[in-house]
PDB file of N, CA and C in Angstrom:
ATOM      1  N   MET A   1     -14.666   1.494  14.207  1.00  0.00           N
ATOM      2  CA  MET A   1     -13.484   1.139  14.973  1.00  0.00           C
ATOM      3  C   MET A   1     -12.981   2.399  15.670  1.00  0.00           C
ATOM      4  N   SER A   2     -12.770   2.299  16.957  1.00  0.00           N
ATOM      5  CA  SER A   2     -12.292   3.457  17.711  1.00  0.00           C
ATOM      6  C   SER A   2     -10.803   3.680  17.445  1.00  0.00           C
ATOM      7  N   ASP A   3     -10.324   4.868  17.819  1.00  0.00           N
ATOM      8  CA  ASP A   3      -8.907   5.187  17.622  1.00  0.00           C
ATOM      9  C   ASP A   3      -8.008   4.218  18.380  1.00  0.00           C
ATOM     10  N   SER A   4      -8.414   3.844  19.595  1.00  0.00           N
ATOM     11  CA  SER A   4      -7.576   2.926  20.380  1.00  0.00           C
ATOM     12  C   SER A   4      -7.555   1.531  19.755  1.00  0.00           C
ATOM     13  N   GLU A   5      -8.685   1.092  19.193  1.00  0.00           N
ATOM     14  CA  GLU A   5      -8.717  -0.207  18.509  1.00  0.00           C
ATOM     15  C   GLU A   5      -7.854  -0.175  17.257  1.00  0.00           C
ATOM     16  N   GLN A   6      -7.928   0.937  16.518  1.00  0.00           N
ATOM     17  CA  GLN A   6      -7.118   1.073  15.312  1.00  0.00           C
ATOM     18  C   GLN A   6      -5.634   1.088  15.672  1.00  0.00           C
ATOM     19  N   GLU A   7      -5.286   1.801  16.725  1.00  0.00           N
ATOM     20  CA  GLU A   7      -3.891   1.848  17.160  1.00  0.00           C
ATOM     21  C   GLU A   7      -3.418   0.463  17.592  1.00  0.00           C
ATOM     22  N   GLN A   8      -4.279  -0.290  18.268  1.00  0.00           N
ATOM     23  CA  GLN A   8      -3.922  -1.648  18.687  1.00  0.00           C
ATOM     24  C   GLN A   8      -3.675  -2.531  17.471  1.00  0.00           C
ATOM     25  N   ASP A   9      -4.538  -2.430  16.445  1.00  0.00           N
ATOM     26  CA  ASP A   9      -4.352  -3.218  15.229  1.00  0.00           C
ATOM     27  C   ASP A   9      -3.044  -2.856  14.538  1.00  0.00           C
ATOM     28  N   LEU A  10      -2.692  -1.575  14.533  1.00  0.00           N
ATOM     29  CA  LEU A  10      -1.424  -1.166  13.930  1.00  0.00           C
ATOM     30  C   LEU A  10      -0.255  -1.720  14.728  1.00  0.00           C
ATOM     31  N   ASN A  11      -0.393  -1.743  16.040  1.00  0.00           N
ATOM     32  CA  ASN A  11       0.664  -2.310  16.875  1.00  0.00           C
ATOM     33  C   ASN A  11       0.778  -3.817  16.678  1.00  0.00           C
ATOM     34  N   ASP A  12      -0.345  -4.487  16.432  1.00  0.00           N
ATOM     35  CA  ASP A  12      -0.338  -5.930  16.187  1.00  0.00           C
ATOM     36  C   ASP A  12       0.155  -6.256  14.785  1.00  0.00           C
ATOM     37  N   GLU A  13       0.293  -5.239  13.974  1.00  0.00           N
ATOM     38  CA  GLU A  13       0.814  -5.327  12.621  1.00  0.00           C
ATOM     39  C   GLU A  13      -0.090  -6.073  11.646  1.00  0.00           C
ATOM     40  N   LYS A  14      -1.362  -6.118  11.926  1.00  0.00           N
ATOM     41  CA  LYS A  14      -2.296  -6.638  10.933  1.00  0.00           C
ATOM     42  C   LYS A  14      -2.434  -5.620   9.803  1.00  0.00           C
ATOM     43  N   PHE A  15      -2.306  -4.356  10.163  1.00  0.00           N
ATOM     44  CA  PHE A  15      -2.428  -3.262   9.209  1.00  0.00           C
ATOM     45  C   PHE A  15      -1.126  -2.475   9.162  1.00  0.00           C
ATOM     46  N   THR A  16      -0.973  -1.701   8.107  1.00  0.00           N
ATOM     47  CA  THR A  16       0.137  -0.765   8.015  1.00  0.00           C
ATOM     48  C   THR A  16      -0.398   0.541   7.443  1.00  0.00           C
ATOM     49  N   VAL A  17       0.328   1.613   7.639  1.00  0.00           N
ATOM     50  CA  VAL A  17      -0.093   2.929   7.163  1.00  0.00           C
ATOM     51  C   VAL A  17       0.829   3.367   6.032  1.00  0.00           C
ATOM     52  N   ILE A  18       0.221   3.835   4.953  1.00  0.00           N
ATOM     53  CA  ILE A  18       0.978   4.418   3.851  1.00  0.00           C
ATOM     54  C   ILE A  18       0.553   5.877   3.759  1.00  0.00           C
ATOM     55  N   GLU A  19       1.525   6.764   3.837  1.00  0.00           N
ATOM     56  CA  GLU A  19       1.251   8.202   3.858  1.00  0.00           C
ATOM     57  C   GLU A  19       1.752   8.843   2.569  1.00  0.00           C
ATOM     58  N   SER A  20       0.919   9.688   1.978  1.00  0.00           N
ATOM     59  CA  SER A  20       1.273  10.367   0.729  1.00  0.00           C
ATOM     60  C   SER A  20       2.020  11.663   1.009  1.00  0.00           C
ATOM     61  N   ASN A  21       2.529  12.273  -0.059  1.00  0.00           N
ATOM     62  CA  ASN A  21       3.286  13.520   0.109  1.00  0.00           C
ATOM     63  C   ASN A  21       2.402  14.709   0.475  1.00  0.00           C
ATOM     64  N   ASP A  22       1.092  14.571   0.314  1.00  0.00           N
ATOM     65  CA  ASP A  22       0.195  15.659   0.694  1.00  0.00           C
ATOM     66  C   ASP A  22      -0.547  15.360   2.000  1.00  0.00           C
ATOM     67  N   GLY A  23      -0.024  14.399   2.761  1.00  0.00           N
ATOM     68  CA  GLY A  23      -0.512  14.167   4.112  1.00  0.00           C
ATOM     69  C   GLY A  23      -1.642  13.173   4.282  1.00  0.00           C
ATOM     70  N   PHE A  24      -2.131  12.582   3.209  1.00  0.00           N
ATOM     71  CA  PHE A  24      -3.188  11.587   3.348  1.00  0.00           C
ATOM     72  C   PHE A  24      -2.588  10.280   3.849  1.00  0.00           C
ATOM     73  N   GLU A  25      -3.314   9.613   4.738  1.00  0.00           N
ATOM     74  CA  GLU A  25      -2.858   8.345   5.296  1.00  0.00           C
ATOM     75  C   GLU A  25      -3.847   7.250   4.923  1.00  0.00           C
ATOM     76  N   TYR A  26      -3.314   6.133   4.483  1.00  0.00           N
ATOM     77  CA  TYR A  26      -4.134   4.992   4.088  1.00  0.00           C
ATOM     78  C   TYR A  26      -3.740   3.800   4.943  1.00  0.00           C
ATOM     79  N   VAL A  27      -4.711   3.256   5.649  1.00  0.00           N
ATOM     80  CA  VAL A  27      -4.489   2.076   6.474  1.00  0.00           C
ATOM     81  C   VAL A  27      -4.893   0.873   5.636  1.00  0.00           C
ATOM     82  N   VAL A  28      -3.934  -0.012   5.389  1.00  0.00           N
ATOM     83  CA  VAL A  28      -4.189  -1.174   4.540  1.00  0.00           C
ATOM     84  C   VAL A  28      -3.808  -2.451   5.283  1.00  0.00           C
ATOM     85  N   ILE A  29      -4.402  -3.542   4.860  1.00  0.00           N
ATOM     86  CA  ILE A  29      -4.028  -4.834   5.420  1.00  0.00           C
ATOM     87  C   ILE A  29      -2.597  -5.118   4.975  1.00  0.00           C
ATOM     88  N   LYS A  30      -1.739  -5.296   5.941  1.00  0.00           N
ATOM     89  CA  LYS A  30      -0.306  -5.403   5.666  1.00  0.00           C
ATOM     90  C   LYS A  30       0.019  -6.565   4.735  1.00  0.00           C
ATOM     91  N   SER A  31      -0.598  -7.704   4.944  1.00  0.00           N
ATOM     92  CA  SER A  31      -0.284  -8.871   4.110  1.00  0.00           C
ATOM     93  C   SER A  31      -0.643  -8.624   2.644  1.00  0.00           C
ATOM     94  N   TYR A  32      -1.698  -7.856   2.380  1.00  0.00           N
ATOM     95  CA  TYR A  32      -2.075  -7.536   1.004  1.00  0.00           C
ATOM     96  C   TYR A  32      -1.017  -6.644   0.358  1.00  0.00           C
ATOM     97  N   ALA A  33      -0.541  -5.660   1.115  1.00  0.00           N
ATOM     98  CA  ALA A  33       0.475  -4.744   0.592  1.00  0.00           C
ATOM     99  C   ALA A  33       1.779  -5.487   0.315  1.00  0.00           C
ATOM    100  N   LEU A  34       2.166  -6.380   1.216  1.00  0.00           N
ATOM    101  CA  LEU A  34       3.414  -7.122   1.041  1.00  0.00           C
ATOM    102  C   LEU A  34       3.324  -8.106  -0.116  1.00  0.00           C
ATOM    103  N   GLU A  35       2.141  -8.645  -0.316  1.00  0.00           N
ATOM    104  CA  GLU A  35       1.903  -9.585  -1.413  1.00  0.00           C
ATOM    105  C   GLU A  35       2.010  -8.886  -2.771  1.00  0.00           C
ATOM    106  N   ALA A  36       1.601  -7.625  -2.822  1.00  0.00           N
ATOM    107  CA  ALA A  36       1.535  -6.907  -4.094  1.00  0.00           C
ATOM    108  C   ALA A  36       2.788  -6.099  -4.412  1.00  0.00           C
ATOM    109  N   SER A  37       3.530  -5.673  -3.401  1.00  0.00           N
ATOM    110  CA  SER A  37       4.645  -4.751  -3.625  1.00  0.00           C
ATOM    111  C   SER A  37       5.955  -5.289  -3.058  1.00  0.00           C
ATOM    112  N   LYS A  38       6.894  -5.536  -3.951  1.00  0.00           N
ATOM    113  CA  LYS A  38       8.215  -5.994  -3.508  1.00  0.00           C
ATOM    114  C   LYS A  38       8.929  -4.909  -2.708  1.00  0.00           C
ATOM    115  N   MET A  39       8.713  -3.666  -3.077  1.00  0.00           N
ATOM    116  CA  MET A  39       9.349  -2.557  -2.366  1.00  0.00           C
ATOM    117  C   MET A  39       8.862  -2.500  -0.914  1.00  0.00           C
ATOM    118  N   LEU A  40       7.555  -2.584  -0.718  1.00  0.00           N
ATOM    119  CA  LEU A  40       7.017  -2.551   0.644  1.00  0.00           C
ATOM    120  C   LEU A  40       7.428  -3.788   1.428  1.00  0.00           C
ATOM    121  N   LYS A  41       7.492  -4.909   0.755  1.00  0.00           N
ATOM    122  CA  LYS A  41       7.910  -6.144   1.425  1.00  0.00           C
ATOM    123  C   LYS A  41       9.315  -5.990   2.004  1.00  0.00           C
ATOM    124  N   GLY A  42      10.199  -5.374   1.248  1.00  0.00           N
ATOM    125  CA  GLY A  42      11.553  -5.143   1.738  1.00  0.00           C
ATOM    126  C   GLY A  42      11.609  -4.121   2.855  1.00  0.00           C
ATOM    127  N   MET A  43      10.828  -3.064   2.726  1.00  0.00           N
ATOM    128  CA  MET A  43      10.852  -1.994   3.727  1.00  0.00           C
ATOM    129  C   MET A  43      10.217  -2.403   5.048  1.00  0.00           C
ATOM    130  N   LEU A  44       9.176  -3.227   4.994  1.00  0.00           N
ATOM    131  CA  LEU A  44       8.423  -3.566   6.201  1.00  0.00           C
ATOM    132  C   LEU A  44       8.840  -4.893   6.823  1.00  0.00           C
ATOM    133  N   ASP A  45       9.841  -5.536   6.251  1.00  0.00           N
ATOM    134  CA  ASP A  45      10.356  -6.788   6.806  1.00  0.00           C
ATOM    135  C   ASP A  45      10.971  -6.516   8.175  1.00  0.00           C
ATOM    136  N   LYS A  46      10.582  -7.299   9.163  1.00  0.00           N
ATOM    137  CA  LYS A  46      11.077  -7.114  10.535  1.00  0.00           C
ATOM    138  C   LYS A  46      12.603  -7.172  10.619  1.00  0.00           C
ATOM    139  N   GLU A  47      13.223  -7.907   9.725  1.00  0.00           N
ATOM    140  CA  GLU A  47      14.679  -8.053   9.736  1.00  0.00           C
ATOM    141  C   GLU A  47      15.393  -6.893   9.043  1.00  0.00           C
ATOM    142  N   SER A  48      14.634  -6.034   8.382  1.00  0.00           N
ATOM    143  CA  SER A  48      15.257  -4.934   7.645  1.00  0.00           C
ATOM    144  C   SER A  48      15.677  -3.813   8.600  1.00  0.00           C
ATOM    145  N   PRO A  49      16.659  -3.021   8.189  1.00  0.00           N
ATOM    146  CA  PRO A  49      17.115  -1.922   9.039  1.00  0.00           C
ATOM    147  C   PRO A  49      16.277  -0.648   8.872  1.00  0.00           C
ATOM    148  N   PHE A  50      15.232  -0.709   8.075  1.00  0.00           N
ATOM    149  CA  PHE A  50      14.450   0.481   7.773  1.00  0.00           C
ATOM    150  C   PHE A  50      13.574   0.901   8.944  1.00  0.00           C
ATOM    151  N   ILE A  51      13.471   2.208   9.142  1.00  0.00           N
ATOM    152  CA  ILE A  51      12.627   2.770  10.202  1.00  0.00           C
ATOM    153  C   ILE A  51      11.156   2.430   9.951  1.00  0.00           C
ATOM    154  N   GLU A  52      10.791   2.263   8.686  1.00  0.00           N
ATOM    155  CA  GLU A  52       9.412   1.918   8.338  1.00  0.00           C
ATOM    156  C   GLU A  52       8.997   0.594   8.976  1.00  0.00           C
ATOM    157  N   ALA A  53       9.922  -0.339   9.061  1.00  0.00           N
ATOM    158  CA  ALA A  53       9.614  -1.636   9.674  1.00  0.00           C
ATOM    159  C   ALA A  53       9.345  -1.474  11.168  1.00  0.00           C
ATOM    160  N   GLN A  54      10.069  -0.583  11.802  1.00  0.00           N
ATOM    161  CA  GLN A  54       9.882  -0.360  13.238  1.00  0.00           C
ATOM    162  C   GLN A  54       8.590   0.399  13.523  1.00  0.00           C
ATOM    163  N   GLU A  55       8.293   1.390  12.682  1.00  0.00           N
ATOM    164  CA  GLU A  55       7.110   2.226  12.900  1.00  0.00           C
ATOM    165  C   GLU A  55       5.844   1.647  12.276  1.00  0.00           C
ATOM    166  N   ASN A  56       6.004   0.682  11.377  1.00  0.00           N
ATOM    167  CA  ASN A  56       4.873   0.106  10.643  1.00  0.00           C
ATOM    168  C   ASN A  56       4.132   1.194   9.859  1.00  0.00           C
ATOM    169  N   ARG A  57       4.889   2.114   9.298  1.00  0.00           N
ATOM    170  CA  ARG A  57       4.357   3.257   8.558  1.00  0.00           C
ATOM    171  C   ARG A  57       5.338   3.593   7.442  1.00  0.00           C
ATOM    172  N   VAL A  58       4.804   3.806   6.242  1.00  0.00           N
ATOM    173  CA  VAL A  58       5.646   4.152   5.095  1.00  0.00           C
ATOM    174  C   VAL A  58       5.233   5.525   4.594  1.00  0.00           C
ATOM    175  N   ARG A  59       6.182   6.435   4.546  1.00  0.00           N
ATOM    176  CA  ARG A  59       5.932   7.782   4.020  1.00  0.00           C
ATOM    177  C   ARG A  59       6.449   7.827   2.586  1.00  0.00           C
ATOM    178  N   ILE A  60       5.551   8.076   1.666  1.00  0.00           N
ATOM    179  CA  ILE A  60       5.899   8.129   0.249  1.00  0.00           C
ATOM    180  C   ILE A  60       5.886   9.595  -0.176  1.00  0.00           C
ATOM    181  N   THR A  61       7.054  10.142  -0.425  1.00  0.00           N
ATOM    182  CA  THR A  61       7.150  11.566  -0.751  1.00  0.00           C
ATOM    183  C   THR A  61       7.027  11.845  -2.243  1.00  0.00           C
ATOM    184  N   ASP A  62       6.958  10.805  -3.044  1.00  0.00           N
ATOM    185  CA  ASP A  62       6.933  10.988  -4.495  1.00  0.00           C
ATOM    186  C   ASP A  62       5.537  11.036  -5.108  1.00  0.00           C
ATOM    187  N   PHE A  63       4.506  10.704  -4.341  1.00  0.00           N
ATOM    188  CA  PHE A  63       3.163  10.607  -4.916  1.00  0.00           C
ATOM    189  C   PHE A  63       2.108  11.257  -4.030  1.00  0.00           C
ATOM    190  N   THR A  64       1.086  11.778  -4.692  1.00  0.00           N
ATOM    191  CA  THR A  64      -0.037  12.407  -3.993  1.00  0.00           C
ATOM    192  C   THR A  64      -1.001  11.342  -3.464  1.00  0.00           C
ATOM    193  N   GLY A  65      -1.927  11.806  -2.660  1.00  0.00           N
ATOM    194  CA  GLY A  65      -2.924  10.915  -2.086  1.00  0.00           C
ATOM    195  C   GLY A  65      -3.761  10.195  -3.123  1.00  0.00           C
ATOM    196  N   SER A  66      -4.090  10.863  -4.222  1.00  0.00           N
ATOM    197  CA  SER A  66      -4.924  10.215  -5.242  1.00  0.00           C
ATOM    198  C   SER A  66      -4.205   9.027  -5.881  1.00  0.00           C
ATOM    199  N   VAL A  67      -2.899   9.130  -6.043  1.00  0.00           N
ATOM    200  CA  VAL A  67      -2.122   8.023  -6.613  1.00  0.00           C
ATOM    201  C   VAL A  67      -1.962   6.909  -5.575  1.00  0.00           C
ATOM    202  N   ILE A  68      -1.636   7.271  -4.347  1.00  0.00           N
ATOM    203  CA  ILE A  68      -1.479   6.268  -3.289  1.00  0.00           C
ATOM    204  C   ILE A  68      -2.797   5.529  -3.054  1.00  0.00           C
ATOM    205  N   GLU A  69      -3.899   6.250  -3.129  1.00  0.00           N
ATOM    206  CA  GLU A  69      -5.202   5.609  -2.968  1.00  0.00           C
ATOM    207  C   GLU A  69      -5.403   4.529  -4.032  1.00  0.00           C
ATOM    208  N   GLN A  70      -5.072   4.832  -5.276  1.00  0.00           N
ATOM    209  CA  GLN A  70      -5.212   3.850  -6.351  1.00  0.00           C
ATOM    210  C   GLN A  70      -4.268   2.662  -6.149  1.00  0.00           C
ATOM    211  N   ILE A  71      -3.065   2.932  -5.666  1.00  0.00           N
ATOM    212  CA  ILE A  71      -2.120   1.848  -5.383  1.00  0.00           C
ATOM    213  C   ILE A  71      -2.691   0.935  -4.295  1.00  0.00           C
ATOM    214  N   CYS A  72      -3.259   1.527  -3.253  1.00  0.00           N
ATOM    215  CA  CYS A  72      -3.858   0.735  -2.175  1.00  0.00           C
ATOM    216  C   CYS A  72      -5.038  -0.087  -2.690  1.00  0.00           C
ATOM    217  N   LEU A  73      -5.831   0.502  -3.562  1.00  0.00           N
ATOM    218  CA  LEU A  73      -6.929  -0.252  -4.179  1.00  0.00           C
ATOM    219  C   LEU A  73      -6.386  -1.423  -4.992  1.00  0.00           C
ATOM    220  N   TYR A  74      -5.253  -1.208  -5.633  1.00  0.00           N
ATOM    221  CA  TYR A  74      -4.623  -2.288  -6.399  1.00  0.00           C
ATOM    222  C   TYR A  74      -4.212  -3.446  -5.486  1.00  0.00           C
ATOM    223  N   PHE A  75      -3.724  -3.139  -4.286  1.00  0.00           N
ATOM    224  CA  PHE A  75      -3.354  -4.204  -3.351  1.00  0.00           C
ATOM    225  C   PHE A  75      -4.544  -5.128  -3.093  1.00  0.00           C
ATOM    226  N   TYR A  76      -5.705  -4.536  -2.856  1.00  0.00           N
ATOM    227  CA  TYR A  76      -6.908  -5.320  -2.598  1.00  0.00           C
ATOM    228  C   TYR A  76      -7.375  -6.048  -3.862  1.00  0.00           C
ATOM    229  N   TYR A  77      -7.284  -5.378  -4.993  1.00  0.00           N
ATOM    230  CA  TYR A  77      -7.653  -5.964  -6.281  1.00  0.00           C
ATOM    231  C   TYR A  77      -6.788  -7.196  -6.564  1.00  0.00           C
ATOM    232  N   LYS A  78      -5.488  -7.057  -6.369  1.00  0.00           N
ATOM    233  CA  LYS A  78      -4.576  -8.176  -6.637  1.00  0.00           C
ATOM    234  C   LYS A  78      -4.870  -9.346  -5.705  1.00  0.00           C
ATOM    235  N   HIS A  79      -5.140  -9.061  -4.446  1.00  0.00           N
ATOM    236  CA  HIS A  79      -5.455 -10.132  -3.495  1.00  0.00           C
ATOM    237  C   HIS A  79      -6.774 -10.821  -3.867  1.00  0.00           C
ATOM    238  N   LYS A  80      -7.754 -10.035  -4.224  1.00  0.00           N
ATOM    239  CA  LYS A  80      -9.077 -10.578  -4.550  1.00  0.00           C
ATOM    240  C   LYS A  80      -9.017 -11.544  -5.729  1.00  0.00           C
ATOM    241  N   TYR A  81      -8.208 -11.215  -6.728  1.00  0.00           N
ATOM    242  CA  TYR A  81      -8.174 -12.025  -7.944  1.00  0.00           C
ATOM    243  C   TYR A  81      -6.962 -12.948  -8.032  1.00  0.00           C
ATOM    244  N   LYS A  82      -6.256 -13.113  -6.925  1.00  0.00           N
ATOM    245  CA  LYS A  82      -5.095 -14.001  -6.902  1.00  0.00           C
ATOM    246  C   LYS A  82      -5.528 -15.423  -7.272  1.00  0.00           C
ATOM    247  N   GLY A  83      -4.849 -16.006  -8.231  1.00  0.00           N
ATOM    248  CA  GLY A  83      -5.144 -17.369  -8.638  1.00  0.00           C
ATOM    249  C   GLY A  83      -6.266 -17.503  -9.652  1.00  0.00           C
ATOM    250  N   GLU A  84      -6.927 -16.416  -9.974  1.00  0.00           N
ATOM    251  CA  GLU A  84      -8.016 -16.457 -10.953  1.00  0.00           C
ATOM    252  C   GLU A  84      -7.446 -16.475 -12.368  1.00  0.00           C
ATOM    253  N   THR A  85      -8.136 -17.154 -13.266  1.00  0.00           N
ATOM    254  CA  THR A  85      -7.689 -17.174 -14.659  1.00  0.00           C
ATOM    255  C   THR A  85      -8.289 -16.028 -15.463  1.00  0.00           C
ATOM    256  N   VAL A  86      -9.476 -15.584 -15.066  1.00  0.00           N
ATOM    257  CA  VAL A  86     -10.117 -14.454 -15.732  1.00  0.00           C
ATOM    258  C   VAL A  86     -10.189 -13.311 -14.723  1.00  0.00           C
ATOM    259  N   VAL A  87      -9.474 -12.243 -15.040  1.00  0.00           N
ATOM    260  CA  VAL A  87      -9.402 -11.097 -14.132  1.00  0.00           C
ATOM    261  C   VAL A  87      -9.950  -9.867 -14.849  1.00  0.00           C
ATOM    262  N   PRO A  88     -10.948  -9.216 -14.253  1.00  0.00           N
ATOM    263  CA  PRO A  88     -11.485  -8.013 -14.898  1.00  0.00           C
ATOM    264  C   PRO A  88     -10.459  -6.877 -14.872  1.00  0.00           C
ATOM    265  N   THR A  89     -10.604  -5.976 -15.795  1.00  0.00           N
ATOM    266  CA  THR A  89      -9.721  -4.818 -15.863  1.00  0.00           C
ATOM    267  C   THR A  89      -9.976  -3.907 -14.668  1.00  0.00           C
ATOM    268  N   MET A  90      -8.905  -3.474 -14.038  1.00  0.00           N
ATOM    269  CA  MET A  90      -9.043  -2.526 -12.931  1.00  0.00           C
ATOM    270  C   MET A  90      -9.244  -1.140 -13.521  1.00  0.00           C
ATOM    271  N   GLU A  91     -10.299  -0.492 -13.101  1.00  0.00           N
ATOM    272  CA  GLU A  91     -10.600   0.847 -13.602  1.00  0.00           C
ATOM    273  C   GLU A  91      -9.702   1.870 -12.914  1.00  0.00           C
ATOM    274  N   ILE A  92      -8.970   2.629 -13.710  1.00  0.00           N
ATOM    275  CA  ILE A  92      -8.086   3.676 -13.198  1.00  0.00           C
ATOM    276  C   ILE A  92      -8.479   4.976 -13.890  1.00  0.00           C
ATOM    277  N   PRO A  93      -8.662   6.048 -13.129  1.00  0.00           N
ATOM    278  CA  PRO A  93      -9.005   7.331 -13.756  1.00  0.00           C
ATOM    279  C   PRO A  93      -7.958   7.721 -14.805  1.00  0.00           C
ATOM    280  N   VAL A  94      -8.428   8.195 -15.936  1.00  0.00           N
ATOM    281  CA  VAL A  94      -7.555   8.529 -17.061  1.00  0.00           C
ATOM    282  C   VAL A  94      -6.477   9.532 -16.663  1.00  0.00           C
ATOM    283  N   ASP A  95      -6.829  10.495 -15.837  1.00  0.00           N
ATOM    284  CA  ASP A  95      -5.855  11.518 -15.457  1.00  0.00           C
ATOM    285  C   ASP A  95      -4.740  10.983 -14.554  1.00  0.00           C
ATOM    286  N   LEU A  96      -4.881   9.750 -14.066  1.00  0.00           N
ATOM    287  CA  LEU A  96      -3.854   9.159 -13.203  1.00  0.00           C
ATOM    288  C   LEU A  96      -3.040   8.066 -13.895  1.00  0.00           C
ATOM    289  N   LEU A  97      -3.342   7.764 -15.144  1.00  0.00           N
ATOM    290  CA  LEU A  97      -2.703   6.625 -15.809  1.00  0.00           C
ATOM    291  C   LEU A  97      -1.178   6.720 -15.842  1.00  0.00           C
ATOM    292  N   LEU A  98      -0.646   7.838 -16.255  1.00  0.00           N
ATOM    293  CA  LEU A  98       0.810   7.977 -16.329  1.00  0.00           C
ATOM    294  C   LEU A  98       1.437   7.893 -14.939  1.00  0.00           C
ATOM    295  N   GLN A  99       0.832   8.564 -13.975  1.00  0.00           N
ATOM    296  CA  GLN A  99       1.354   8.515 -12.609  1.00  0.00           C
ATOM    297  C   GLN A  99       1.275   7.101 -12.035  1.00  0.00           C
ATOM    298  N   MET A 100       0.230   6.373 -12.384  1.00  0.00           N
ATOM    299  CA  MET A 100       0.085   4.997 -11.908  1.00  0.00           C
ATOM    300  C   MET A 100       1.144   4.086 -12.529  1.00  0.00           C
ATOM    301  N   LEU A 101       1.483   4.330 -13.767  1.00  0.00           N
ATOM    302  CA  LEU A 101       2.543   3.557 -14.411  1.00  0.00           C
ATOM    303  C   LEU A 101       3.869   3.773 -13.677  1.00  0.00           C
ATOM    304  N   ILE A 102       4.152   5.017 -13.358  1.00  0.00           N
ATOM    305  CA  ILE A 102       5.376   5.344 -12.622  1.00  0.00           C
ATOM    306  C   ILE A 102       5.322   4.737 -11.217  1.00  0.00           C
ATOM    307  N   ALA A 103       4.170   4.841 -10.568  1.00  0.00           N
ATOM    308  CA  ALA A 103       4.014   4.304  -9.209  1.00  0.00           C
ATOM    309  C   ALA A 103       4.144   2.784  -9.193  1.00  0.00           C
ATOM    310  N   SER A 104       3.628   2.118 -10.208  1.00  0.00           N
ATOM    311  CA  SER A 104       3.734   0.654 -10.233  1.00  0.00           C
ATOM    312  C   SER A 104       5.193   0.221 -10.333  1.00  0.00           C
ATOM    313  N   ASP A 105       5.991   1.002 -11.049  1.00  0.00           N
ATOM    314  CA  ASP A 105       7.425   0.717 -11.112  1.00  0.00           C
ATOM    315  C   ASP A 105       8.079   1.015  -9.761  1.00  0.00           C
ATOM    316  N   TYR A 106       7.723   2.120  -9.161  1.00  0.00           N
ATOM    317  CA  TYR A 106       8.266   2.530  -7.864  1.00  0.00           C
ATOM    318  C   TYR A 106       7.977   1.481  -6.786  1.00  0.00           C
ATOM    319  N   PHE A 107       6.740   1.017  -6.743  1.00  0.00           N
ATOM    320  CA  PHE A 107       6.326   0.043  -5.736  1.00  0.00           C
ATOM    321  C   PHE A 107       6.699  -1.392  -6.111  1.00  0.00           C
ATOM    322  N   ALA A 108       7.210  -1.577  -7.315  1.00  0.00           N
ATOM    323  CA  ALA A 108       7.551  -2.916  -7.822  1.00  0.00           C
ATOM    324  C   ALA A 108       6.345  -3.840  -7.718  1.00  0.00           C
ATOM    325  N   CYS A 109       5.241  -3.372  -8.295  1.00  0.00           N
ATOM    326  CA  CYS A 109       3.991  -4.150  -8.286  1.00  0.00           C
ATOM    327  C   CYS A 109       3.929  -5.060  -9.498  1.00  0.00           C
TER     328      CYS A 109
END
C-alpha cells in the first residue's frame, strides 16, 4: 500500500493510528479498536469533543511501543474470536504481563 493510499484510508476512517510514547505508530482497523476498547470508543466518537476524533489518531503517552503493539494484537484477537465458545489463550511475553494488565485497565478492554 502506498503512502497516498494509506493516507486516503486514514481519511476514510477505516483505520486509525495509535502512537506510543516512544514514537511507534500502529495503524489498526478502527472498528476492531472501538469494539475492544471503551476508552478508544469514547475518544474516537465523531460526536466527542476530543482532538483524537478529529485527527483519527490517538497518542498514548503512558505506554511504550511494545505494550501498544500487544494491545493492538489484542484488538484483532478479540475480533477474531468474537462469539466463539472456545477461545485459545493469547500469548503475551512474560516481561510485558504487568504492563499489559495496567494497559487493559487503561484502555478499558
